[in-house]
Amino acid sequence: MRLKLALMVVVLCLAGAAWGAWDFFQPYRGSEVPVVLEIPSGTGAPEVADLLVSRGVVAHRWPFLVRYWIGRTRHRLKAGEYLFDRPLRPLDVYRKLIIGDVILYSVVVPEGSDRFDIARILAERMGINPTEFLQRTEKTTLIHDLDPDAPTLEGYLFPDTYRFPRHVTADTIIATMVGRFRRVIRTKLHDDFVPGSGDLHAAVTLASLVEKETPDPAERPVVAGVFTRRLEKHMPLQCDPTVIYAARLADRPIPVIHASDLKFDSPFNTYLHGGLPPGPIANPGEISLRAAFHPADGDELYFVSNNHGGHVFAKTLAEHQHNVAVYRRKVAAERRQASAVAAANAPAPQVRAKATRTRGAKKSVIQSQQKADPS
């Protein structure tokens, strides 16, 4: 009798093990739509298993928990936001949570973005507090070995496309962007940058001015050459983007520069102060950094916009003044043309339209009366 009972227990155990093994390796998807499941930090394995079952990710909690208990001394389930969009075995679900294969959100930081632009982008895409981000970027510990003179992390938050999980911190984002800058310097510009030489501060600052002055990659070495020659001749750079940045630092953003803005006293205002500004005014990309390390040779000392995304360069002040006059005439002509087009496409004034409709209505009434009374 005891032998039969023991045999039954063994059979039941083997049957249970076989069922568990089959269930463990059986793909399952209990929901017809993709499931986004967020596992909060500190959630225990039993609670995670219950979440997986309730959302239709796994059929039963035990196969998942057995695998967790087997490896709990070496692995931990990672919190985060997960996407389950196809049938998975409990083993696959376990692996997904162990490696932290969470949903990543794309964040695009364009070249030439400054800290304030990046704070706005991160607030919109990732919900990062912009004030907190700006405060964190005022600490330069992450780049002290590269640039001990940097006033902030401006210039070292490399512009690129990043992918971050939900609830990422400002510190993690900053460290990632600075890390990307280091990698570009180390792998792409390693022949230009000599660690500890002190050249990086000036190069990144110059590159940020170049980045803000022209969107044309082909022009950037030329613009860098103009600024370099002006510095060598002790001429003020007179770089408009530095005036805009100075205003941003003073919490008085200006959409258009006026003559009074050129007189705003700030160490970043290169109309009032000679040499480079105290630090970068934006975060340059690789092309602008390379241009700063390799300015184009030439005699040009001036440039002005051609009003089509590029610039006209000049060697003398007289030539430059002529180019400026041409530019202003073009701008004035385009404004007149735009005004003429807008006036031609503008709808008729509302008062006149109402009057026309009223006269038409009266005429219709009179015609109706005439038809009703032929005499």
Protein backbone atom coordinates (compact mmCIF):
# COMPACT_ATOMS: atom_id res chain seq x y z
CA MET A 1 0.00 0.00 0.00
CA ARG A 2 2.77 2.39 0.94
CA LEU A 3 4.65 1.44 -2.20
CA LYS A 4 1.63 2.27 -4.33
CA LEU A 5 1.16 5.60 -2.53
CA ALA A 6 4.82 6.51 -3.01
CA LEU A 7 4.58 5.49 -6.64
CA MET A 8 1.55 7.71 -7.11
CA VAL A 9 3.37 10.63 -5.53
CA VAL A 10 6.34 10.10 -7.84
CA VAL A 11 4.04 9.91 -10.86
CA LEU A 12 2.23 13.09 -9.81
CA CYS A 13 5.53 14.87 -9.26
CA LEU A 14 6.81 13.79 -12.66
CA ALA A 15 3.54 14.84 -14.27
CA GLY A 16 3.72 18.22 -12.54
CA ALA A 17 7.34 18.66 -13.59
CA ALA A 18 6.47 17.71 -17.16
CA TRP A 19 3.57 20.15 -17.20
CA GLY A 20 5.76 22.88 -15.72
CA ALA A 21 8.52 22.22 -18.24
CA TRP A 22 6.05 22.28 -21.10
CA ASP A 23 4.50 25.53 -19.85
CA PHE A 24 7.94 27.05 -19.26
CA PHE A 25 8.93 26.64 -22.90
CA GLN A 26 5.51 27.35 -24.40
CA PRO A 27 5.12 30.79 -26.08
CA TYR A 28 2.11 32.66 -24.78
CA ARG A 29 0.28 35.87 -25.53
CA GLY A 30 -3.01 36.47 -23.79
CA SER A 31 -3.70 39.90 -25.26
CA GLU A 32 -4.58 40.70 -28.85
CA VAL A 33 -2.90 44.13 -28.61
CA PRO A 34 0.67 44.99 -27.58
CA VAL A 35 1.10 45.30 -23.85
CA VAL A 36 3.13 48.07 -22.23
CA LEU A 37 3.92 47.04 -18.68
CA GLU A 38 5.69 49.26 -16.17
CA ILE A 39 7.41 47.54 -13.27
CA PRO A 40 8.02 50.03 -10.47
CA SER A 41 11.34 50.06 -8.67
CA GLY A 42 11.39 47.74 -5.65
CA THR A 43 8.64 45.44 -6.90
CA GLY A 44 9.14 41.86 -5.67
CA ALA A 45 9.17 38.81 -7.93
CA PRO A 46 5.73 37.51 -6.78
CA GLU A 47 4.16 40.91 -7.55
CA VAL A 48 5.91 40.99 -10.93
CA ALA A 49 4.55 37.51 -11.70
CA ASP A 50 1.03 38.64 -10.79
CA LEU A 51 1.38 41.65 -13.10
CA LEU A 52 2.55 39.43 -15.95
CA VAL A 53 -0.40 37.09 -15.53
CA SER A 54 -2.98 39.88 -15.13
CA ARG A 55 -1.79 41.61 -18.33
CA GLY A 56 -1.68 38.39 -20.35
CA VAL A 57 2.10 38.21 -20.74
CA VAL A 58 2.39 34.73 -19.19
CA ALA A 59 -0.31 32.14 -18.61
CA HIS A 60 0.76 31.06 -15.10
CA ARG A 61 2.95 32.63 -12.47
CA TRP A 62 4.77 29.50 -11.30
CA PRO A 63 7.01 28.81 -14.31
CA PHE A 64 8.28 32.39 -14.18
CA LEU A 65 8.80 32.29 -10.41
CA VAL A 66 10.63 28.95 -10.54
CA ARG A 67 13.11 30.38 -13.03
CA TYR A 68 13.53 33.47 -10.89
CA TRP A 69 14.19 31.44 -7.73
CA ILE A 70 16.80 29.36 -9.53
CA GLY A 71 18.83 32.40 -10.52
CA ARG A 72 17.90 34.89 -7.77
CA THR A 73 21.40 34.82 -6.25
CA ARG A 74 22.98 35.99 -9.54
CA HIS A 75 20.28 38.04 -11.26
CA ARG A 76 17.77 40.71 -10.33
CA LEU A 77 14.61 41.79 -12.10
CA LYS A 78 15.05 45.33 -13.39
CA ALA A 79 12.40 47.99 -13.03
CA GLY A 80 11.21 49.91 -16.05
CA GLU A 81 8.72 50.08 -18.89
CA TYR A 82 8.52 46.96 -21.07
CA LEU A 83 6.80 46.19 -24.36
CA PHE A 84 5.33 42.76 -25.02
CA ASP A 85 4.10 42.64 -28.60
CA ARG A 86 4.47 38.96 -29.51
CA PRO A 87 4.10 35.55 -27.84
CA LEU A 88 6.98 34.81 -25.46
CA ARG A 89 7.97 31.85 -23.36
CA PRO A 90 8.20 32.47 -19.59
CA LEU A 91 11.93 31.90 -20.07
CA ASP A 92 12.05 34.75 -22.61
CA VAL A 93 10.03 37.03 -20.34
CA TYR A 94 12.43 36.31 -17.50
CA ARG A 95 15.44 37.10 -19.67
CA LYS A 96 13.83 40.33 -20.87
CA LEU A 97 13.39 41.52 -17.29
CA ILE A 98 16.86 40.39 -16.25
CA ILE A 99 18.72 42.30 -18.96
CA GLY A 100 16.44 45.32 -18.62
CA ASP A 101 15.19 45.35 -22.21
CA VAL A 102 12.99 48.37 -21.53
CA ILE A 103 11.30 50.75 -23.96
CA LEU A 104 13.64 53.50 -25.12
CA TYR A 105 12.46 56.92 -26.29
CA SER A 106 14.30 58.83 -29.00
CA VAL A 107 15.59 62.30 -28.13
CA VAL A 108 17.05 64.39 -30.96
CA VAL A 109 19.43 67.18 -29.94
CA PRO A 110 20.26 69.24 -33.06
CA GLU A 111 23.75 70.60 -33.63
CA GLY A 112 24.10 74.09 -32.22
CA SER A 113 21.59 73.56 -29.41
CA ASP A 114 22.57 75.33 -26.21
CA ARG A 115 21.80 74.20 -22.66
CA PHE A 116 18.51 76.07 -22.68
CA ASP A 117 17.39 74.41 -25.92
CA ILE A 118 18.32 70.98 -24.56
CA ALA A 119 16.44 71.65 -21.32
CA ARG A 120 13.31 72.43 -23.33
CA ILE A 121 13.71 69.33 -25.55
CA LEU A 122 14.17 67.05 -22.55
CA ALA A 123 11.18 68.56 -20.78
CA GLU A 124 9.00 67.87 -23.82
CA ARG A 125 10.30 64.36 -24.59
CA MET A 126 11.25 62.92 -21.21
CA GLY A 127 9.55 65.13 -18.61
CA ILE A 128 12.87 66.33 -17.19
CA ASN A 129 12.59 69.43 -15.00
CA PRO A 130 14.33 72.15 -17.07
CA THR A 131 15.46 74.11 -14.02
CA GLU A 132 17.02 71.00 -12.53
CA PHE A 133 18.77 70.19 -15.82
CA LEU A 134 20.24 73.68 -16.12
CA GLN A 135 21.46 73.57 -12.52
CA ARG A 136 23.12 70.20 -13.12
CA THR A 137 24.91 71.51 -16.22
CA GLU A 138 26.51 74.26 -14.17
CA LYS A 139 28.67 71.64 -12.45
CA THR A 140 31.78 70.89 -14.50
CA THR A 141 33.20 67.91 -12.62
CA LEU A 142 32.58 65.59 -15.58
CA ILE A 143 34.93 67.57 -17.85
CA HIS A 144 37.38 69.02 -15.35
CA ASP A 145 40.16 66.85 -16.72
CA LEU A 146 39.45 68.02 -20.28
CA ASP A 147 38.72 71.67 -19.62
CA PRO A 148 39.38 72.96 -16.10
CA ASP A 149 38.40 76.48 -17.24
CA ALA A 150 34.92 75.58 -18.49
CA PRO A 151 32.29 77.78 -16.77
CA THR A 152 29.54 75.21 -17.46
CA LEU A 153 29.01 72.02 -19.47
CA GLU A 154 27.97 74.14 -22.44
CA GLY A 155 29.84 72.87 -25.48
CA TYR A 156 30.36 69.38 -24.05
CA LEU A 157 26.77 68.08 -24.31
CA PHE A 158 27.30 66.48 -27.68
CA PRO A 159 24.40 66.97 -30.12
CA ASP A 160 23.11 63.65 -31.40
CA THR A 161 20.13 61.27 -31.37
CA TYR A 162 19.83 59.52 -28.02
CA ARG A 163 17.55 56.80 -26.66
CA PHE A 164 16.56 56.92 -23.01
CA PRO A 165 14.13 54.90 -20.88
CA ARG A 166 11.23 56.53 -19.11
CA HIS A 167 12.06 58.06 -15.71
CA VAL A 168 15.69 58.61 -16.72
CA THR A 169 17.37 61.20 -14.51
CA ALA A 170 18.97 64.47 -15.58
CA ASP A 171 22.31 63.24 -14.26
CA THR A 172 22.17 60.13 -16.43
CA ILE A 173 21.34 62.16 -19.53
CA ILE A 174 24.15 64.62 -18.86
CA ALA A 175 26.67 61.85 -18.26
CA THR A 176 25.58 60.15 -21.49
CA MET A 177 25.95 63.33 -23.56
CA VAL A 178 29.35 64.17 -22.08
CA GLY A 179 30.40 60.58 -22.66
CA ARG A 180 29.40 60.90 -26.31
CA PHE A 181 31.55 64.06 -26.58
CA ARG A 182 34.53 62.21 -25.12
CA ARG A 183 34.06 59.35 -27.56
CA VAL A 184 33.95 61.72 -30.56
CA ILE A 185 37.08 63.52 -29.38
CA ARG A 186 38.84 60.21 -28.78
CA THR A 187 37.81 58.40 -31.96
CA LYS A 188 37.14 61.11 -34.56
CA LEU A 189 39.43 63.97 -33.54
CA HIS A 190 42.22 62.11 -31.76
CA ASP A 191 44.84 63.55 -34.14
CA ASP A 192 43.76 67.12 -33.35
CA PHE A 193 43.31 67.08 -29.58
CA VAL A 194 46.24 66.66 -27.23
CA PRO A 195 45.00 65.89 -23.68
CA GLY A 196 46.22 68.38 -21.12
CA SER A 197 47.40 70.89 -23.73
CA GLY A 198 44.74 73.47 -22.86
CA ASP A 199 43.70 73.78 -26.51
CA LEU A 200 40.31 72.20 -26.05
CA HIS A 201 38.68 75.12 -24.26
CA ALA A 202 39.49 77.56 -27.06
CA ALA A 203 38.67 75.04 -29.78
CA VAL A 204 35.23 74.14 -28.42
CA THR A 205 34.42 77.79 -27.79
CA LEU A 206 35.41 78.72 -31.34
CA ALA A 207 33.52 75.72 -32.73
CA SER A 208 30.35 76.86 -30.94
CA LEU A 209 30.57 80.29 -32.60
CA VAL A 210 31.11 78.68 -36.00
CA GLU A 211 28.17 76.32 -35.44
CA LYS A 212 25.81 79.19 -34.64
CA GLU A 213 27.03 81.42 -37.49
CA THR A 214 26.45 79.10 -40.46
CA PRO A 215 24.33 76.04 -41.21
CA ASP A 216 26.49 75.22 -44.24
CA PRO A 217 29.13 72.59 -43.38
CA ALA A 218 31.30 73.75 -46.28
CA GLU A 219 31.46 77.27 -44.86
CA ARG A 220 32.46 76.32 -41.35
CA PRO A 221 36.25 76.10 -41.91
CA VAL A 222 36.05 79.47 -43.72
CA VAL A 223 34.15 81.11 -40.84
CA ALA A 224 36.62 79.57 -38.39
CA GLY A 225 39.42 81.08 -40.49
CA VAL A 226 37.83 84.53 -40.34
CA PHE A 227 37.48 84.39 -36.56
CA THR A 228 41.02 83.06 -36.13
CA ARG A 229 42.51 85.90 -38.19
CA ARG A 230 40.47 88.49 -36.30
CA LEU A 231 41.77 87.09 -33.04
CA GLU A 232 45.34 87.22 -34.32
CA LYS A 233 44.87 90.86 -35.33
CA HIS A 234 43.19 91.70 -32.00
CA MET A 235 39.99 92.64 -33.78
CA PRO A 236 36.69 92.14 -31.95
CA LEU A 237 34.86 89.08 -33.22
CA GLN A 238 31.51 90.91 -33.33
CA CYS A 239 29.66 87.59 -33.45
CA ASP A 240 25.90 88.14 -33.24
CA PRO A 241 25.12 84.74 -31.64
CA THR A 242 27.25 85.74 -28.62
CA VAL A 243 24.93 88.71 -28.06
CA ILE A 244 21.90 86.42 -28.17
CA TYR A 245 23.54 83.98 -25.75
CA ALA A 246 24.46 86.80 -23.36
CA ALA A 247 20.81 87.83 -23.31
CA ARG A 248 19.71 84.25 -22.61
CA LEU A 249 22.08 84.02 -19.67
CA ALA A 250 20.51 87.21 -18.30
CA ASP A 251 17.02 85.70 -18.76
CA ARG A 252 16.09 88.27 -21.39
CA PRO A 253 15.84 86.33 -24.67
CA ILE A 254 15.82 88.48 -27.80
CA PRO A 255 14.31 87.19 -31.06
CA VAL A 256 15.90 90.02 -33.07
CA ILE A 257 19.10 91.93 -32.27
CA HIS A 258 18.78 95.71 -31.95
CA ALA A 259 21.53 98.31 -31.63
CA SER A 260 20.91 98.54 -27.89
CA ASP A 261 21.56 94.79 -27.50
CA LEU A 262 25.07 95.23 -28.88
CA LYS A 263 25.83 97.44 -25.89
CA PHE A 264 24.61 94.92 -23.29
CA ASP A 265 27.50 94.44 -20.88
CA SER A 266 28.30 90.75 -20.67
CA PRO A 267 31.63 88.91 -20.94
CA PHE A 268 29.96 86.88 -23.70
CA ASN A 269 29.24 89.97 -25.80
CA THR A 270 32.01 89.95 -28.41
CA TYR A 271 31.03 93.43 -29.59
CA LEU A 272 32.13 94.88 -26.24
CA HIS A 273 34.88 92.45 -25.23
CA GLY A 274 37.84 91.30 -27.28
CA GLY A 275 38.92 87.71 -27.76
CA LEU A 276 36.81 84.62 -27.39
CA PRO A 277 33.92 84.59 -24.91
CA PRO A 278 34.55 82.89 -21.52
CA GLY A 279 33.21 79.59 -22.85
CA PRO A 280 31.11 77.96 -25.58
CA ILE A 281 27.74 79.46 -26.47
CA ALA A 282 26.28 76.20 -27.83
CA ASN A 283 27.10 72.55 -28.36
CA PRO A 284 28.90 72.09 -31.69
CA GLY A 285 28.89 68.97 -33.82
CA GLU A 286 31.85 67.11 -35.23
CA ILE A 287 32.16 69.23 -38.39
CA SER A 288 32.35 72.49 -36.45
CA LEU A 289 34.84 71.00 -34.00
CA ARG A 290 37.02 69.89 -36.90
CA ALA A 291 36.75 73.35 -38.45
CA ALA A 292 37.91 74.94 -35.20
CA PHE A 293 40.96 72.67 -35.16
CA HIS A 294 41.60 73.28 -38.89
CA PRO A 295 40.52 76.83 -39.87
CA ALA A 296 40.71 77.55 -43.58
CA ASP A 297 43.58 79.69 -44.81
CA GLY A 298 42.84 83.00 -46.54
CA ASP A 299 42.68 86.77 -46.13
CA GLU A 300 38.97 87.21 -45.38
CA LEU A 301 38.19 89.19 -42.24
CA TYR A 302 34.45 89.85 -42.68
CA PHE A 303 31.30 88.07 -43.74
CA VAL A 304 27.62 88.86 -44.05
CA SER A 305 24.60 86.72 -44.81
CA ASN A 306 23.57 86.26 -48.43
CA ASN A 307 20.00 85.77 -47.18
CA HIS A 308 19.94 82.23 -48.58
CA GLY A 309 21.62 80.22 -45.83
CA GLY A 310 25.17 81.17 -46.77
CA HIS A 311 27.53 84.13 -46.50
CA VAL A 312 29.51 86.57 -48.60
CA PHE A 313 33.10 87.00 -47.42
CA ALA A 314 35.30 90.06 -47.73
CA LYS A 315 38.95 90.94 -47.19
CA THR A 316 38.52 94.69 -46.58
CA LEU A 317 36.10 96.80 -44.60
CA ALA A 318 35.06 98.71 -47.73
CA GLU A 319 34.23 95.49 -49.55
CA HIS A 320 32.33 94.26 -46.52
CA GLN A 321 30.30 97.47 -46.27
CA HIS A 322 29.35 97.09 -49.92
CA ASN A 323 28.22 93.50 -49.26
CA VAL A 324 26.18 94.66 -46.28
CA ALA A 325 24.47 97.31 -48.40
CA VAL A 326 23.62 94.70 -51.04
CA TYR A 327 22.26 92.39 -48.36
CA ARG A 328 20.05 95.12 -46.92
CA ARG A 329 18.64 96.01 -50.33
CA LYS A 330 17.81 92.36 -50.96
CA VAL A 331 16.07 92.06 -47.59
CA ALA A 332 14.08 95.25 -48.19
CA ALA A 333 13.06 94.07 -51.67
CA GLU A 334 11.94 90.67 -50.37
CA ARG A 335 9.93 92.34 -47.62
CA ARG A 336 8.17 94.59 -50.15
CA GLN A 337 7.42 91.60 -52.34
CA ALA A 338 6.08 89.62 -49.40
CA SER A 339 3.87 92.54 -48.38
CA ALA A 340 2.53 92.88 -51.92
CA VAL A 341 1.72 89.18 -52.12
CA ALA A 342 0.03 89.26 -48.72
CA ALA A 343 -2.05 92.27 -49.73
CA ALA A 344 -3.08 90.62 -53.01
CA ASN A 345 -4.17 87.44 -51.22
CA ALA A 346 -5.90 89.20 -48.35
CA PRO A 347 -9.72 88.74 -48.19
CA ALA A 348 -11.97 91.73 -48.79
CA PRO A 349 -12.75 93.78 -45.64
CA GLN A 350 -15.66 92.41 -43.67
CA VAL A 351 -17.59 95.71 -43.54
CA ARG A 352 -17.57 96.02 -47.34
CA ALA A 353 -18.69 92.42 -47.73
CA LYS A 354 -21.62 92.97 -45.40
CA ALA A 355 -22.65 96.09 -47.32
CA THR A 356 -22.56 94.17 -50.59
CA ARG A 357 -24.68 91.41 -49.14
CA THR A 358 -27.19 93.99 -47.82
CA ARG A 359 -27.55 95.69 -51.20
CA GLY A 360 -28.04 92.30 -52.81
CA ALA A 361 -30.68 91.39 -50.26
CA LYS A 362 -32.61 94.63 -50.87
CA LYS A 363 -32.45 94.08 -54.61
CA SER A 364 -33.89 90.58 -54.18
CA VAL A 365 -36.78 91.92 -52.07
CA ILE A 366 -37.61 94.56 -54.68
CA GLN A 367 -37.51 91.99 -57.49
CA SER A 368 -39.82 89.72 -55.47
CA GLN A 369 -42.27 92.56 -54.96
CA GLN A 370 -42.22 93.42 -58.65
CA LYS A 371 -42.98 89.81 -59.57
CA ALA A 372 -45.83 89.74 -57.06
CA ASP A 373 -47.33 93.04 -58.32
CA PRO A 374 -47.03 93.21 -62.16
CA SER A 375 -48.68 96.66 -62.24
